[in-house]
């Protein structure tokens, strides 16, 4: 009887883990859909939104270009110093857009 209960509990835990993983995936998908809808709304409400996005992405690209050039430097000591100074992880497009949209909403709320 105890073995059966232990097996049943183990099965329940496995099912819960599967359901949690599925729910986490769905949450990520909903967050991406929300961000997409927010971006579309910002685009409709603000004709400068595409320029805002492009400028932010250009800054990130420029930063990556500089980082690559610095890493291809011949001076190993210089590379180590730069690596210690620049420990920011690379942002995903979603992360960049979330920050842009958050800033856009803050500015919009202050104008009202």
PDB file of N, CA and C in Angstrom:
ATOM      1  N   UNK A   1       0.813  -1.193   0.000  1.00  0.00           N
ATOM      2  CA  UNK A   1       0.000   0.000   0.000  1.00  0.00           C
ATOM      3  C   UNK A   1       0.862   1.265   0.000  1.00  0.00           C
ATOM      4  N   UNK A   2       1.918   1.269   0.811  1.00  0.00           N
ATOM      5  CA  UNK A   2       2.812   2.417   0.898  1.00  0.00           C
ATOM      6  C   UNK A   2       3.528   2.622  -0.434  1.00  0.00           C
ATOM      7  N   UNK A   3       3.947   1.523  -1.062  1.00  0.00           N
ATOM      8  CA  UNK A   3       4.621   1.611  -2.352  1.00  0.00           C
ATOM      9  C   UNK A   3       3.685   2.201  -3.410  1.00  0.00           C
ATOM     10  N   UNK A   4       2.429   1.809  -3.361  1.00  0.00           N
ATOM     11  CA  UNK A   4       1.455   2.316  -4.318  1.00  0.00           C
ATOM     12  C   UNK A   4       1.240   3.821  -4.123  1.00  0.00           C
ATOM     13  N   UNK A   5       1.163   4.251  -2.871  1.00  0.00           N
ATOM     14  CA  UNK A   5       1.003   5.680  -2.585  1.00  0.00           C
ATOM     15  C   UNK A   5       2.224   6.473  -3.034  1.00  0.00           C
ATOM     16  N   UNK A   6       3.406   5.918  -2.808  1.00  0.00           N
ATOM     17  CA  UNK A   6       4.645   6.582  -3.223  1.00  0.00           C
ATOM     18  C   UNK A   6       4.692   6.696  -4.742  1.00  0.00           C
ATOM     19  N   UNK A   7       4.303   5.643  -5.437  1.00  0.00           N
ATOM     20  CA  UNK A   7       4.279   5.652  -6.900  1.00  0.00           C
ATOM     21  C   UNK A   7       3.251   6.660  -7.406  1.00  0.00           C
ATOM     22  N   UNK A   8       2.105   6.713  -6.763  1.00  0.00           N
ATOM     23  CA  UNK A   8       1.053   7.655  -7.127  1.00  0.00           C
ATOM     24  C   UNK A   8       1.544   9.094  -6.921  1.00  0.00           C
ATOM     25  N   UNK A   9       2.203   9.334  -5.800  1.00  0.00           N
ATOM     26  CA  UNK A   9       2.733  10.672  -5.509  1.00  0.00           C
ATOM     27  C   UNK A   9       3.790  11.063  -6.542  1.00  0.00           C
ATOM     28  N   UNK A  10       4.648  10.121  -6.879  1.00  0.00           N
ATOM     29  CA  UNK A  10       5.692  10.378  -7.882  1.00  0.00           C
ATOM     30  C   UNK A  10       5.059  10.720  -9.225  1.00  0.00           C
ATOM     31  N   UNK A  11       4.025  10.005  -9.601  1.00  0.00           N
ATOM     32  CA  UNK A  11       3.326  10.273 -10.860  1.00  0.00           C
ATOM     33  C   UNK A  11       2.683  11.656 -10.838  1.00  0.00           C
ATOM     34  N   UNK A  12       2.074  12.003  -9.714  1.00  0.00           N
ATOM     35  CA  UNK A  12       1.445  13.320  -9.579  1.00  0.00           C
ATOM     36  C   UNK A  12       2.478  14.442  -9.717  1.00  0.00           C
ATOM     37  N   UNK A  13       3.610  14.256  -9.100  1.00  0.00           N
ATOM     38  CA  UNK A  13       4.678  15.252  -9.176  1.00  0.00           C
ATOM     39  C   UNK A  13       5.151  15.409 -10.617  1.00  0.00           C
ATOM     40  N   UNK A  14       5.310  14.310 -11.331  1.00  0.00           N
ATOM     41  CA  UNK A  14       5.726  14.363 -12.731  1.00  0.00           C
ATOM     42  C   UNK A  14       4.698  15.105 -13.578  1.00  0.00           C
ATOM     43  N   UNK A  15       3.429  14.818 -13.359  1.00  0.00           N
ATOM     44  CA  UNK A  15       2.366  15.500 -14.108  1.00  0.00           C
ATOM     45  C   UNK A  15       2.380  16.993 -13.801  1.00  0.00           C
ATOM     46  N   UNK A  16       2.540  17.340 -12.537  1.00  0.00           N
ATOM     47  CA  UNK A  16       2.595  18.756 -12.158  1.00  0.00           C
ATOM     48  C   UNK A  16       3.777  19.466 -12.814  1.00  0.00           C
ATOM     49  N   UNK A  17       4.918  18.816 -12.868  1.00  0.00           N
ATOM     50  CA  UNK A  17       6.090  19.416 -13.523  1.00  0.00           C
ATOM     51  C   UNK A  17       5.818  19.664 -14.996  1.00  0.00           C
ATOM     52  N   UNK A  18       5.179  18.709 -15.646  1.00  0.00           N
ATOM     53  CA  UNK A  18       4.834  18.866 -17.065  1.00  0.00           C
ATOM     54  C   UNK A  18       3.864  20.026 -17.250  1.00  0.00           C
ATOM     55  N   UNK A  19       2.857  20.101 -16.387  1.00  0.00           N
ATOM     56  CA  UNK A  19       1.869  21.183 -16.488  1.00  0.00           C
ATOM     57  C   UNK A  19       2.496  22.552 -16.216  1.00  0.00           C
ATOM     58  N   UNK A  20       3.403  22.606 -15.255  1.00  0.00           N
ATOM     59  CA  UNK A  20       4.081  23.868 -14.944  1.00  0.00           C
ATOM     60  C   UNK A  20       4.936  24.313 -16.127  1.00  0.00           C
ATOM     61  N   UNK A  21       5.651  23.374 -16.729  1.00  0.00           N
ATOM     62  CA  UNK A  21       6.482  23.706 -17.886  1.00  0.00           C
ATOM     63  C   UNK A  21       5.616  24.210 -19.045  1.00  0.00           C
ATOM     64  N   UNK A  22       4.489  23.551 -19.256  1.00  0.00           N
ATOM     65  CA  UNK A  22       3.571  23.973 -20.318  1.00  0.00           C
ATOM     66  C   UNK A  22       3.024  25.369 -20.014  1.00  0.00           C
ATOM     67  N   UNK A  23       2.651  25.616 -18.770  1.00  0.00           N
ATOM     68  CA  UNK A  23       2.123  26.923 -18.381  1.00  0.00           C
ATOM     69  C   UNK A  23       3.187  28.014 -18.550  1.00  0.00           C
ATOM     70  N   UNK A  24       4.424  27.715 -18.180  1.00  0.00           N
ATOM     71  CA  UNK A  24       5.513  28.679 -18.352  1.00  0.00           C
ATOM     72  C   UNK A  24       5.694  29.033 -19.826  1.00  0.00           C
ATOM     73  N   UNK A  25       5.616  28.026 -20.694  1.00  0.00           N
ATOM     74  CA  UNK A  25       5.740  28.258 -22.135  1.00  0.00           C
ATOM     75  C   UNK A  25       4.599  29.129 -22.632  1.00  0.00           C
ATOM     76  N   UNK A  26       3.394  28.846 -22.177  1.00  0.00           N
ATOM     77  CA  UNK A  26       2.237  29.643 -22.585  1.00  0.00           C
ATOM     78  C   UNK A  26       2.357  31.084 -22.097  1.00  0.00           C
ATOM     79  N   UNK A  27       2.854  31.274 -20.893  1.00  0.00           N
ATOM     80  CA  UNK A  27       3.035  32.627 -20.362  1.00  0.00           C
ATOM     81  C   UNK A  27       4.025  33.399 -21.229  1.00  0.00           C
ATOM     82  N   UNK A  28       5.128  32.764 -21.594  1.00  0.00           N
ATOM     83  CA  UNK A  28       6.109  33.428 -22.466  1.00  0.00           C
ATOM     84  C   UNK A  28       5.490  33.809 -23.803  1.00  0.00           C
ATOM     85  N   UNK A  29       4.695  32.907 -24.361  1.00  0.00           N
ATOM     86  CA  UNK A  29       4.034  33.201 -25.638  1.00  0.00           C
ATOM     87  C   UNK A  29       3.058  34.369 -25.492  1.00  0.00           C
ATOM     88  N   UNK A  30       2.293  34.391 -24.390  1.00  0.00           N
ATOM     89  CA  UNK A  30       1.360  35.498 -24.154  1.00  0.00           C
ATOM     90  C   UNK A  30       2.102  36.818 -23.969  1.00  0.00           C
ATOM     91  N   UNK A  31       3.235  36.766 -23.277  1.00  0.00           N
ATOM     92  CA  UNK A  31       4.026  37.992 -23.090  1.00  0.00           C
ATOM     93  C   UNK A  31       4.551  38.507 -24.422  1.00  0.00           C
ATOM     94  N   UNK A  32       4.981  37.606 -25.297  1.00  0.00           N
ATOM     95  CA  UNK A  32       5.444  38.023 -26.618  1.00  0.00           C
ATOM     96  C   UNK A  32       4.299  38.590 -27.445  1.00  0.00           C
ATOM     97  N   UNK A  33       3.125  37.970 -27.360  1.00  0.00           N
ATOM     98  CA  UNK A  33       1.954  38.490 -28.069  1.00  0.00           C
ATOM     99  C   UNK A  33       1.572  39.871 -27.546  1.00  0.00           C
ATOM    100  N   UNK A  34       1.608  40.037 -26.226  1.00  0.00           N
ATOM    101  CA  UNK A  34       1.289  41.323 -25.618  1.00  0.00           C
ATOM    102  C   UNK A  34       2.262  42.399 -26.096  1.00  0.00           C
ATOM    103  N   UNK A  35       3.533  42.077 -26.092  1.00  0.00           N
ATOM    104  CA  UNK A  35       4.540  43.034 -26.541  1.00  0.00           C
ATOM    105  C   UNK A  35       4.318  43.410 -28.004  1.00  0.00           C
ATOM    106  N   UNK A  36       3.982  42.429 -28.803  1.00  0.00           N
ATOM    107  CA  UNK A  36       3.706  42.691 -30.215  1.00  0.00           C
ATOM    108  C   UNK A  36       2.515  43.636 -30.367  1.00  0.00           C
ATOM    109  N   UNK A  37       1.451  43.380 -29.613  1.00  0.00           N
ATOM    110  CA  UNK A  37       0.266  44.241 -29.672  1.00  0.00           C
ATOM    111  C   UNK A  37       0.564  45.647 -29.148  1.00  0.00           C
ATOM    112  N   UNK A  38       1.352  45.728 -28.086  1.00  0.00           N
ATOM    113  CA  UNK A  38       1.724  47.035 -27.541  1.00  0.00           C
ATOM    114  C   UNK A  38       2.545  47.823 -28.553  1.00  0.00           C
ATOM    115  N   UNK A  39       3.437  47.145 -29.237  1.00  0.00           N
ATOM    116  CA  UNK A  39       4.267  47.802 -30.234  1.00  0.00           C
ATOM    117  C   UNK A  39       3.412  48.292 -31.399  1.00  0.00           C
ATOM    118  N   UNK A  40       2.471  47.458 -31.832  1.00  0.00           N
ATOM    119  CA  UNK A  40       1.562  47.879 -32.903  1.00  0.00           C
ATOM    120  C   UNK A  40       0.745  49.099 -32.476  1.00  0.00           C
ATOM    121  N   UNK A  41       0.272  49.097 -31.249  1.00  0.00           N
ATOM    122  CA  UNK A  41      -0.497  50.232 -30.736  1.00  0.00           C
ATOM    123  C   UNK A  41       0.365  51.492 -30.694  1.00  0.00           C
ATOM    124  N   UNK A  42       1.576  51.364 -30.201  1.00  0.00           N
ATOM    125  CA  UNK A  42       2.481  52.510 -30.154  1.00  0.00           C
ATOM    126  C   UNK A  42       2.740  53.041 -31.560  1.00  0.00           C
ATOM    127  N   UNK A  43       2.853  52.141 -32.519  1.00  0.00           N
ATOM    128  CA  UNK A  43       3.088  52.524 -33.907  1.00  0.00           C
ATOM    129  C   UNK A  43       1.913  53.353 -34.431  1.00  0.00           C
ATOM    130  N   UNK A  44       0.686  52.950 -34.073  1.00  0.00           N
ATOM    131  CA  UNK A  44      -0.511  53.665 -34.525  1.00  0.00           C
ATOM    132  C   UNK A  44      -0.625  55.021 -33.825  1.00  0.00           C
ATOM    133  N   UNK A  45      -0.334  55.045 -32.534  1.00  0.00           N
ATOM    134  CA  UNK A  45      -0.493  56.270 -31.749  1.00  0.00           C
ATOM    135  C   UNK A  45       0.623  57.279 -31.978  1.00  0.00           C
ATOM    136  N   UNK A  46       1.801  56.808 -32.349  1.00  0.00           N
ATOM    137  CA  UNK A  46       2.959  57.703 -32.448  1.00  0.00           C
ATOM    138  C   UNK A  46       3.699  57.414 -33.749  1.00  0.00           C
ATOM    139  N   UNK A  47       3.653  58.345 -34.650  1.00  0.00           N
ATOM    140  CA  UNK A  47       4.302  58.130 -35.948  1.00  0.00           C
ATOM    141  C   UNK A  47       5.829  58.065 -35.846  1.00  0.00           C
ATOM    142  N   UNK A  48       6.368  58.502 -34.705  1.00  0.00           N
ATOM    143  CA  UNK A  48       7.817  58.444 -34.495  1.00  0.00           C
ATOM    144  C   UNK A  48       8.276  57.094 -33.932  1.00  0.00           C
ATOM    145  N   UNK A  49       7.338  56.220 -33.585  1.00  0.00           N
ATOM    146  CA  UNK A  49       7.685  54.938 -32.960  1.00  0.00           C
ATOM    147  C   UNK A  49       8.690  54.129 -33.781  1.00  0.00           C
ATOM    148  N   UNK A  50       8.511  54.001 -35.107  1.00  0.00           N
ATOM    149  CA  UNK A  50       9.515  53.236 -35.874  1.00  0.00           C
ATOM    150  C   UNK A  50      10.917  53.842 -35.753  1.00  0.00           C
ATOM    151  N   UNK A  51      10.995  55.166 -35.750  1.00  0.00           N
ATOM    152  CA  UNK A  51      12.305  55.815 -35.602  1.00  0.00           C
ATOM    153  C   UNK A  51      12.888  55.572 -34.213  1.00  0.00           C
ATOM    154  N   UNK A  52      12.019  55.598 -33.206  1.00  0.00           N
ATOM    155  CA  UNK A  52      12.474  55.330 -31.834  1.00  0.00           C
ATOM    156  C   UNK A  52      13.071  53.922 -31.758  1.00  0.00           C
ATOM    157  N   UNK A  53      12.366  52.951 -32.328  1.00  0.00           N
ATOM    158  CA  UNK A  53      12.848  51.562 -32.323  1.00  0.00           C
ATOM    159  C   UNK A  53      14.152  51.426 -33.097  1.00  0.00           C
ATOM    160  N   UNK A  54      14.170  52.013 -34.286  1.00  0.00           N
ATOM    161  CA  UNK A  54      15.376  51.914 -35.127  1.00  0.00           C
ATOM    162  C   UNK A  54      16.588  52.541 -34.449  1.00  0.00           C
ATOM    163  N   UNK A  55      16.387  53.693 -33.807  1.00  0.00           N
ATOM    164  CA  UNK A  55      17.497  54.358 -33.120  1.00  0.00           C
ATOM    165  C   UNK A  55      18.019  53.518 -31.957  1.00  0.00           C
ATOM    166  N   UNK A  56      17.107  52.927 -31.202  1.00  0.00           N
ATOM    167  CA  UNK A  56      17.528  52.083 -30.070  1.00  0.00           C
ATOM    168  C   UNK A  56      18.285  50.858 -30.573  1.00  0.00           C
ATOM    169  N   UNK A  57      17.776  50.240 -31.627  1.00  0.00           N
ATOM    170  CA  UNK A  57      18.460  49.063 -32.181  1.00  0.00           C
ATOM    171  C   UNK A  57      19.811  49.450 -32.787  1.00  0.00           C
ATOM    172  N   UNK A  58      19.891  50.618 -33.412  1.00  0.00           N
ATOM    173  CA  UNK A  58      21.156  51.093 -33.978  1.00  0.00           C
ATOM    174  C   UNK A  58      22.186  51.277 -32.867  1.00  0.00           C
ATOM    175  N   UNK A  59      21.762  51.817 -31.729  1.00  0.00           N
ATOM    176  CA  UNK A  59      22.677  51.981 -30.590  1.00  0.00           C
ATOM    177  C   UNK A  59      23.211  50.631 -30.129  1.00  0.00           C
ATOM    178  N   UNK A  60      22.331  49.648 -30.041  1.00  0.00           N
ATOM    179  CA  UNK A  60      22.751  48.302 -29.610  1.00  0.00           C
ATOM    180  C   UNK A  60      23.712  47.687 -30.620  1.00  0.00           C
ATOM    181  N   UNK A  61      23.412  47.850 -31.890  1.00  0.00           N
ATOM    182  CA  UNK A  61      24.281  47.306 -32.943  1.00  0.00           C
ATOM    183  C   UNK A  61      25.645  47.977 -32.901  1.00  0.00           C
ATOM    184  N   UNK A  62      25.652  49.293 -32.744  1.00  0.00           N
ATOM    185  CA  UNK A  62      26.915  50.026 -32.654  1.00  0.00           C
ATOM    186  C   UNK A  62      27.734  49.563 -31.456  1.00  0.00           C
ATOM    187  N   UNK A  63      27.044  49.358 -30.316  1.00  0.00           N
ATOM    188  CA  UNK A  63      27.736  48.871 -29.123  1.00  0.00           C
ATOM    189  C   UNK A  63      28.364  47.499 -29.381  1.00  0.00           C
ATOM    190  N   UNK A  64      27.619  46.624 -30.053  1.00  0.00           N
ATOM    191  CA  UNK A  64      28.150  45.293 -30.369  1.00  0.00           C
ATOM    192  C   UNK A  64      29.327  45.383 -31.342  1.00  0.00           C
ATOM    193  N   UNK A  65      29.225  46.269 -32.326  1.00  0.00           N
ATOM    194  CA  UNK A  65      30.338  46.459 -33.269  1.00  0.00           C
ATOM    195  C   UNK A  65      31.608  46.903 -32.541  1.00  0.00           C
ATOM    196  N   UNK A  66      31.457  47.860 -31.635  1.00  0.00           N
ATOM    197  CA  UNK A  66      32.610  48.339 -30.865  1.00  0.00           C
ATOM    198  C   UNK A  66      33.165  47.220 -29.993  1.00  0.00           C
ATOM    199  N   UNK A  67      32.270  46.453 -29.377  1.00  0.00           N
ATOM    200  CA  UNK A  67      32.715  45.342 -28.530  1.00  0.00           C
ATOM    201  C   UNK A  67      33.495  44.313 -29.337  1.00  0.00           C
ATOM    202  N   UNK A  68      33.024  43.998 -30.518  1.00  0.00           N
ATOM    203  CA  UNK A  68      33.719  43.029 -31.384  1.00  0.00           C
ATOM    204  C   UNK A  68      35.084  43.559 -31.777  1.00  0.00           C
ATOM    205  N   UNK A  69      35.147  44.833 -32.147  1.00  0.00           N
ATOM    206  CA  UNK A  69      36.441  45.431 -32.522  1.00  0.00           C
ATOM    207  C   UNK A  69      37.406  45.399 -31.347  1.00  0.00           C
ATOM    208  N   UNK A  70      36.878  45.689 -30.151  1.00  0.00           N
ATOM    209  CA  UNK A  70      37.728  45.671 -28.961  1.00  0.00           C
ATOM    210  C   UNK A  70      38.226  44.257 -28.659  1.00  0.00           C
ATOM    211  N   UNK A  71      37.374  43.274 -28.858  1.00  0.00           N
ATOM    212  CA  UNK A  71      37.765  41.896 -28.569  1.00  0.00           C
ATOM    213  C   UNK A  71      38.764  41.345 -29.583  1.00  0.00           C
ATOM    214  N   UNK A  72      38.774  41.913 -30.767  1.00  0.00           N
ATOM    215  CA  UNK A  72      39.738  41.452 -31.776  1.00  0.00           C
ATOM    216  C   UNK A  72      41.061  42.203 -31.686  1.00  0.00           C
ATOM    217  N   UNK A  73      41.186  43.042 -30.656  1.00  0.00           N
ATOM    218  CA  UNK A  73      42.419  43.781 -30.429  1.00  0.00           C
ATOM    219  C   UNK A  73      43.569  42.803 -30.171  1.00  0.00           C
ATOM    220  N   UNK A  74      44.749  43.215 -30.509  1.00  0.00           N
ATOM    221  CA  UNK A  74      45.937  42.367 -30.335  1.00  0.00           C
ATOM    222  C   UNK A  74      46.437  42.334 -28.890  1.00  0.00           C
ATOM    223  N   UNK A  75      46.153  43.378 -28.133  1.00  0.00           N
ATOM    224  CA  UNK A  75      46.664  43.503 -26.775  1.00  0.00           C
ATOM    225  C   UNK A  75      45.793  42.705 -25.801  1.00  0.00           C
ATOM    226  N   UNK A  76      46.327  41.611 -25.265  1.00  0.00           N
ATOM    227  CA  UNK A  76      45.552  40.733 -24.378  1.00  0.00           C
ATOM    228  C   UNK A  76      45.192  41.422 -23.067  1.00  0.00           C
ATOM    229  N   UNK A  77      46.082  42.243 -22.528  1.00  0.00           N
ATOM    230  CA  UNK A  77      45.768  42.970 -21.296  1.00  0.00           C
ATOM    231  C   UNK A  77      44.601  43.921 -21.509  1.00  0.00           C
ATOM    232  N   UNK A  78      44.593  44.574 -22.660  1.00  0.00           N
ATOM    233  CA  UNK A  78      43.521  45.504 -22.995  1.00  0.00           C
ATOM    234  C   UNK A  78      42.181  44.762 -23.096  1.00  0.00           C
ATOM    235  N   UNK A  79      42.204  43.578 -23.673  1.00  0.00           N
ATOM    236  CA  UNK A  79      40.985  42.771 -23.807  1.00  0.00           C
ATOM    237  C   UNK A  79      40.447  42.407 -22.429  1.00  0.00           C
ATOM    238  N   UNK A  80      41.325  41.984 -21.526  1.00  0.00           N
ATOM    239  CA  UNK A  80      40.881  41.591 -20.186  1.00  0.00           C
ATOM    240  C   UNK A  80      40.247  42.759 -19.441  1.00  0.00           C
ATOM    241  N   UNK A  81      40.833  43.941 -19.565  1.00  0.00           N
ATOM    242  CA  UNK A  81      40.286  45.130 -18.910  1.00  0.00           C
ATOM    243  C   UNK A  81      38.916  45.451 -19.486  1.00  0.00           C
ATOM    244  N   UNK A  82      38.786  45.391 -20.796  1.00  0.00           N
ATOM    245  CA  UNK A  82      37.495  45.694 -21.439  1.00  0.00           C
ATOM    246  C   UNK A  82      36.435  44.671 -21.067  1.00  0.00           C
ATOM    247  N   UNK A  83      36.823  43.409 -20.975  1.00  0.00           N
ATOM    248  CA  UNK A  83      35.858  42.374 -20.595  1.00  0.00           C
ATOM    249  C   UNK A  83      35.361  42.599 -19.173  1.00  0.00           C
ATOM    250  N   UNK A  84      36.254  43.049 -18.278  1.00  0.00           N
ATOM    251  CA  UNK A  84      35.848  43.324 -16.905  1.00  0.00           C
ATOM    252  C   UNK A  84      34.909  44.534 -16.835  1.00  0.00           C
ATOM    253  N   UNK A  85      35.150  45.502 -17.711  1.00  0.00           N
ATOM    254  CA  UNK A  85      34.333  46.712 -17.714  1.00  0.00           C
ATOM    255  C   UNK A  85      32.963  46.463 -18.352  1.00  0.00           C
ATOM    256  N   UNK A  86      32.887  45.624 -19.348  1.00  0.00           N
ATOM    257  CA  UNK A  86      31.649  45.402 -20.102  1.00  0.00           C
ATOM    258  C   UNK A  86      31.106  44.017 -19.804  1.00  0.00           C
ATOM    259  N   UNK A  87      30.424  43.890 -18.697  1.00  0.00           N
ATOM    260  CA  UNK A  87      29.894  42.582 -18.330  1.00  0.00           C
ATOM    261  C   UNK A  87      28.384  42.504 -18.518  1.00  0.00           C
ATOM    262  N   UNK A  88      27.808  43.476 -19.236  1.00  0.00           N
ATOM    263  CA  UNK A  88      26.372  43.447 -19.487  1.00  0.00           C
ATOM    264  C   UNK A  88      26.043  42.298 -20.432  1.00  0.00           C
ATOM    265  N   UNK A  89      25.002  41.549 -20.105  1.00  0.00           N
ATOM    266  CA  UNK A  89      24.583  40.516 -21.048  1.00  0.00           C
ATOM    267  C   UNK A  89      23.903  41.155 -22.257  1.00  0.00           C
ATOM    268  N   UNK A  90      23.983  40.494 -23.373  1.00  0.00           N
ATOM    269  CA  UNK A  90      23.330  40.987 -24.574  1.00  0.00           C
ATOM    270  C   UNK A  90      21.824  40.853 -24.390  1.00  0.00           C
ATOM    271  N   UNK A  91      21.099  41.898 -24.774  1.00  0.00           N
ATOM    272  CA  UNK A  91      19.650  41.889 -24.614  1.00  0.00           C
ATOM    273  C   UNK A  91      18.995  41.251 -25.842  1.00  0.00           C
ATOM    274  N   UNK A  92      17.857  40.636 -25.608  1.00  0.00           N
ATOM    275  CA  UNK A  92      17.073  40.118 -26.727  1.00  0.00           C
ATOM    276  C   UNK A  92      16.250  41.263 -27.305  1.00  0.00           C
ATOM    277  N   UNK A  93      15.722  41.050 -28.486  1.00  0.00           N
ATOM    278  CA  UNK A  93      14.879  42.056 -29.117  1.00  0.00           C
ATOM    279  C   UNK A  93      13.668  42.357 -28.231  1.00  0.00           C
ATOM    280  N   UNK A  94      13.082  41.327 -27.640  1.00  0.00           N
ATOM    281  CA  UNK A  94      11.937  41.526 -26.752  1.00  0.00           C
ATOM    282  C   UNK A  94      12.300  42.403 -25.561  1.00  0.00           C
ATOM    283  N   UNK A  95      13.466  42.177 -24.970  1.00  0.00           N
ATOM    284  CA  UNK A  95      13.897  42.981 -23.828  1.00  0.00           C
ATOM    285  C   UNK A  95      14.084  44.444 -24.224  1.00  0.00           C
ATOM    286  N   UNK A  96      14.667  44.667 -25.391  1.00  0.00           N
ATOM    287  CA  UNK A  96      14.877  46.031 -25.877  1.00  0.00           C
ATOM    288  C   UNK A  96      13.532  46.719 -26.091  1.00  0.00           C
ATOM    289  N   UNK A  97      12.602  46.011 -26.733  1.00  0.00           N
ATOM    290  CA  UNK A  97      11.287  46.592 -27.014  1.00  0.00           C
ATOM    291  C   UNK A  97      10.497  46.842 -25.734  1.00  0.00           C
ATOM    292  N   UNK A  98      10.625  45.969 -24.745  1.00  0.00           N
ATOM    293  CA  UNK A  98       9.931  46.171 -23.471  1.00  0.00           C
ATOM    294  C   UNK A  98      10.382  47.478 -22.814  1.00  0.00           C
ATOM    295  N   UNK A  99      11.679  47.699 -22.807  1.00  0.00           N
ATOM    296  CA  UNK A  99      12.207  48.935 -22.211  1.00  0.00           C
ATOM    297  C   UNK A  99      11.725  50.148 -22.995  1.00  0.00           C
ATOM    298  N   UNK A 100      11.783  50.062 -24.320  1.00  0.00           N
ATOM    299  CA  UNK A 100      11.317  51.176 -25.150  1.00  0.00           C
ATOM    300  C   UNK A 100       9.842  51.470 -24.894  1.00  0.00           C
ATOM    301  N   UNK A 101       9.044  50.417 -24.852  1.00  0.00           N
ATOM    302  CA  UNK A 101       7.615  50.609 -24.647  1.00  0.00           C
ATOM    303  C   UNK A 101       7.328  51.169 -23.254  1.00  0.00           C
ATOM    304  N   UNK A 102       8.038  50.677 -22.251  1.00  0.00           N
ATOM    305  CA  UNK A 102       7.868  51.186 -20.886  1.00  0.00           C
ATOM    306  C   UNK A 102       8.201  52.680 -20.836  1.00  0.00           C
ATOM    307  N   UNK A 103       9.293  53.076 -21.479  1.00  0.00           N
ATOM    308  CA  UNK A 103       9.674  54.489 -21.522  1.00  0.00           C
ATOM    309  C   UNK A 103       8.636  55.311 -22.281  1.00  0.00           C
ATOM    310  N   UNK A 104       8.118  54.740 -23.367  1.00  0.00           N
ATOM    311  CA  UNK A 104       7.101  55.416 -24.172  1.00  0.00           C
ATOM    312  C   UNK A 104       5.847  55.664 -23.342  1.00  0.00           C
ATOM    313  N   UNK A 105       5.413  54.655 -22.581  1.00  0.00           N
ATOM    314  CA  UNK A 105       4.217  54.783 -21.746  1.00  0.00           C
ATOM    315  C   UNK A 105       4.439  55.831 -20.650  1.00  0.00           C
ATOM    316  N   UNK A 106       5.633  55.820 -20.043  1.00  0.00           N
ATOM    317  CA  UNK A 106       5.933  56.802 -18.996  1.00  0.00           C
ATOM    318  C   UNK A 106       5.849  58.235 -19.555  1.00  0.00           C
ATOM    319  N   UNK A 107       6.425  58.452 -20.727  1.00  0.00           N
ATOM    320  CA  UNK A 107       6.392  59.774 -21.346  1.00  0.00           C
ATOM    321  C   UNK A 107       4.954  60.161 -21.695  1.00  0.00           C
ATOM    322  N   UNK A 108       4.214  59.174 -22.188  1.00  0.00           N
ATOM    323  CA  UNK A 108       2.816  59.432 -22.571  1.00  0.00           C
ATOM    324  C   UNK A 108       1.986  59.788 -21.338  1.00  0.00           C
ATOM    325  N   UNK A 109       2.199  59.076 -20.233  1.00  0.00           N
ATOM    326  CA  UNK A 109       1.460  59.369 -18.992  1.00  0.00           C
ATOM    327  C   UNK A 109       1.808  60.743 -18.446  1.00  0.00           C
ATOM    328  N   UNK A 110       3.047  61.170 -18.561  1.00  0.00           N
ATOM    329  CA  UNK A 110       3.458  62.481 -18.058  1.00  0.00           C
ATOM    330  C   UNK A 110       2.844  63.601 -18.886  1.00  0.00           C
ATOM    331  N   UNK A 111       2.583  63.333 -20.166  1.00  0.00           N
ATOM    332  CA  UNK A 111       2.003  64.349 -21.036  1.00  0.00           C
ATOM    333  C   UNK A 111       0.520  64.550 -20.746  1.00  0.00           C
ATOM    334  N   UNK A 112      -0.119  63.536 -20.179  1.00  0.00           N
ATOM    335  CA  UNK A 112      -1.565  63.619 -19.909  1.00  0.00           C
ATOM    336  C   UNK A 112      -1.857  64.353 -18.658  1.00  0.00           C
TER     337      UNK A 112
END
